[in-house]
Protein backbone atom coordinates (compact mmCIF):
# COMPACT_ATOMS: atom_id res chain seq x y z
CA MET A 1 -114.48 58.32 -98.87
CA SER A 2 -114.15 56.05 -96.15
CA ARG A 3 -113.75 56.80 -92.47
CA SER A 4 -110.42 55.66 -92.32
CA ASN A 5 -109.13 57.57 -94.59
CA TYR A 6 -110.07 60.96 -92.24
CA ALA A 7 -108.14 58.66 -89.71
CA GLU A 8 -105.32 58.64 -91.29
CA ASP A 9 -104.83 62.39 -91.87
CA GLU A 10 -102.63 64.28 -89.51
CA ASP A 11 -104.67 67.59 -89.29
CA PHE A 12 -107.52 65.33 -87.86
CA ASP A 13 -107.61 65.67 -84.39
CA GLU A 14 -110.60 64.39 -82.21
CA PRO A 15 -110.90 65.86 -78.52
CA GLU A 16 -109.87 63.44 -76.01
CA GLU A 17 -113.87 63.66 -74.00
CA ALA A 18 -115.63 63.51 -77.12
CA GLY A 19 -117.82 59.99 -77.33
CA PRO A 20 -119.89 58.11 -75.06
CA GLN A 21 -117.91 59.13 -71.99
CA ARG A 22 -118.93 62.93 -72.34
CA GLN A 23 -122.45 62.36 -73.45
CA ASP A 24 -122.55 59.85 -69.97
CA ASP A 25 -120.93 62.97 -67.71
CA ALA A 26 -124.28 65.39 -69.36
CA LEU A 27 -126.85 62.59 -68.57
CA SER A 28 -125.11 61.85 -65.30
CA SER A 29 -125.17 65.53 -64.34
CA LEU A 30 -129.23 65.79 -65.16
CA ILE A 31 -130.29 61.89 -64.16
CA PRO A 32 -127.64 60.76 -61.13
CA TYR A 33 -128.42 57.27 -62.64
CA LYS A 34 -125.06 56.08 -60.15
CA ASN A 35 -126.53 57.33 -57.35
CA SER A 36 -129.99 55.50 -57.19
CA LYS A 37 -130.84 56.76 -53.37
CA ALA A 38 -130.66 60.21 -54.43
CA LEU A 39 -132.90 59.59 -57.61
CA THR A 40 -134.84 57.28 -55.21
CA ALA A 41 -135.16 60.14 -52.78
CA TYR A 42 -136.10 62.85 -55.37
CA TYR A 43 -138.93 60.95 -56.56
CA CYS A 44 -140.20 59.91 -53.20
CA GLY A 45 -140.25 63.28 -52.42
CA VAL A 46 -141.91 64.87 -55.58
CA PHE A 47 -144.94 62.26 -55.13
CA SER A 48 -145.46 62.93 -51.66
CA LEU A 49 -146.48 66.26 -52.74
CA ILE A 50 -149.69 64.22 -53.09
CA PRO A 51 -152.18 63.96 -50.12
CA CYS A 52 -152.25 61.34 -48.05
CA LEU A 53 -149.06 59.74 -49.96
CA GLY A 54 -146.46 61.88 -48.01
CA LEU A 55 -146.93 60.17 -44.68
CA ILE A 56 -145.52 56.91 -46.45
CA LEU A 57 -143.50 58.63 -48.91
CA GLY A 58 -141.88 61.83 -47.07
CA PRO A 59 -140.02 59.91 -44.13
CA ILE A 60 -138.69 57.36 -46.97
CA ALA A 61 -137.69 60.54 -49.14
CA LEU A 62 -135.84 61.74 -45.99
CA ILE A 63 -134.07 58.61 -45.52
CA PHE A 64 -132.79 58.13 -49.16
CA GLY A 65 -132.20 61.69 -49.38
CA ILE A 66 -129.71 61.74 -46.59
CA SER A 67 -128.17 57.94 -47.85
CA GLY A 68 -127.81 59.62 -51.21
CA LEU A 69 -126.04 62.63 -49.98
CA ARG A 70 -123.71 60.83 -48.34
CA TYR A 71 -123.31 58.52 -51.17
CA ALA A 72 -122.44 61.81 -53.51
CA LYS A 73 -120.43 62.83 -50.78
CA GLU A 74 -118.13 59.67 -50.71
CA TYR A 75 -118.00 59.10 -54.36
CA PRO A 76 -118.28 62.68 -56.46
CA GLN A 77 -118.55 61.23 -59.48
CA ALA A 78 -121.76 59.60 -58.62
CA LYS A 79 -123.46 62.85 -58.60
CA GLY A 80 -127.11 63.42 -57.06
CA GLN A 81 -126.32 66.06 -54.57
CA ALA A 82 -129.35 68.20 -55.58
CA HIS A 83 -131.27 65.49 -55.90
CA ALA A 84 -130.56 64.50 -52.60
CA VAL A 85 -131.18 67.71 -51.27
CA VAL A 86 -134.63 68.20 -53.41
CA GLY A 87 -135.60 64.56 -51.26
CA ILE A 88 -134.92 65.76 -47.45
CA VAL A 89 -136.48 69.12 -48.53
CA LEU A 90 -139.46 67.70 -49.76
CA GLY A 91 -139.42 64.76 -47.57
CA THR A 92 -139.07 66.98 -44.55
CA VAL A 93 -142.03 69.25 -45.43
CA THR A 94 -144.19 66.62 -46.81
CA THR A 95 -143.66 64.76 -43.19
CA LEU A 96 -144.53 67.38 -41.12
CA PHE A 97 -147.49 68.77 -42.98
CA ASN A 98 -148.85 65.04 -42.96
CA PHE A 99 -148.05 64.55 -39.43
CA GLY A 100 -149.47 67.73 -38.58
CA VAL A 101 -152.44 67.19 -40.31
CA VAL A 102 -153.38 63.69 -38.88
CA LEU A 103 -152.41 65.67 -35.03
CA PHE A 104 -154.89 68.18 -35.54
CA SER A 105 -157.87 65.41 -36.84
CA ILE A 106 -157.12 63.74 -33.53
CA VAL A 107 -157.08 66.50 -31.58
CA MET A 108 -160.39 67.91 -33.24
CA ILE A 109 -161.99 64.38 -32.57
CA LEU A 110 -161.14 64.14 -29.39
CA LEU A 111 -162.61 67.83 -29.03
CA ALA A 112 -165.78 66.93 -30.35
CA ALA A 113 -166.07 63.60 -28.68
CA LEU A 114 -165.36 65.46 -25.24
CA GLY A 115 -167.67 68.33 -25.98
CA GLY A 116 -170.78 66.38 -27.12
CA ASP A 117 -170.44 64.55 -23.50
CA SER A 118 -171.89 67.91 -21.81
């Protein structure tokens, strides 16, 4: 039998949400492709865990995370709040850690330079 015979049957009812729209919603809940700022914040936050990259990617993740969170609140169908929050948290932690390491290194170098003159 062809597909058209099933469509003409009265007992055949297809759910309204089946099809591409439902798959689209499931995919966008896992990967917020409609909210590129949140997705960028997430990836920058994750890759900022690599030593030295956190100096650059940490602040980028923080900025994009805040922007992505605002976008997700303004357009709820875009989703991506969790990705934006992860980007903000990882961006903040890695930025503070990496800048702390740089500041500690500078202080230690200065102390070594000043201590060597005596």
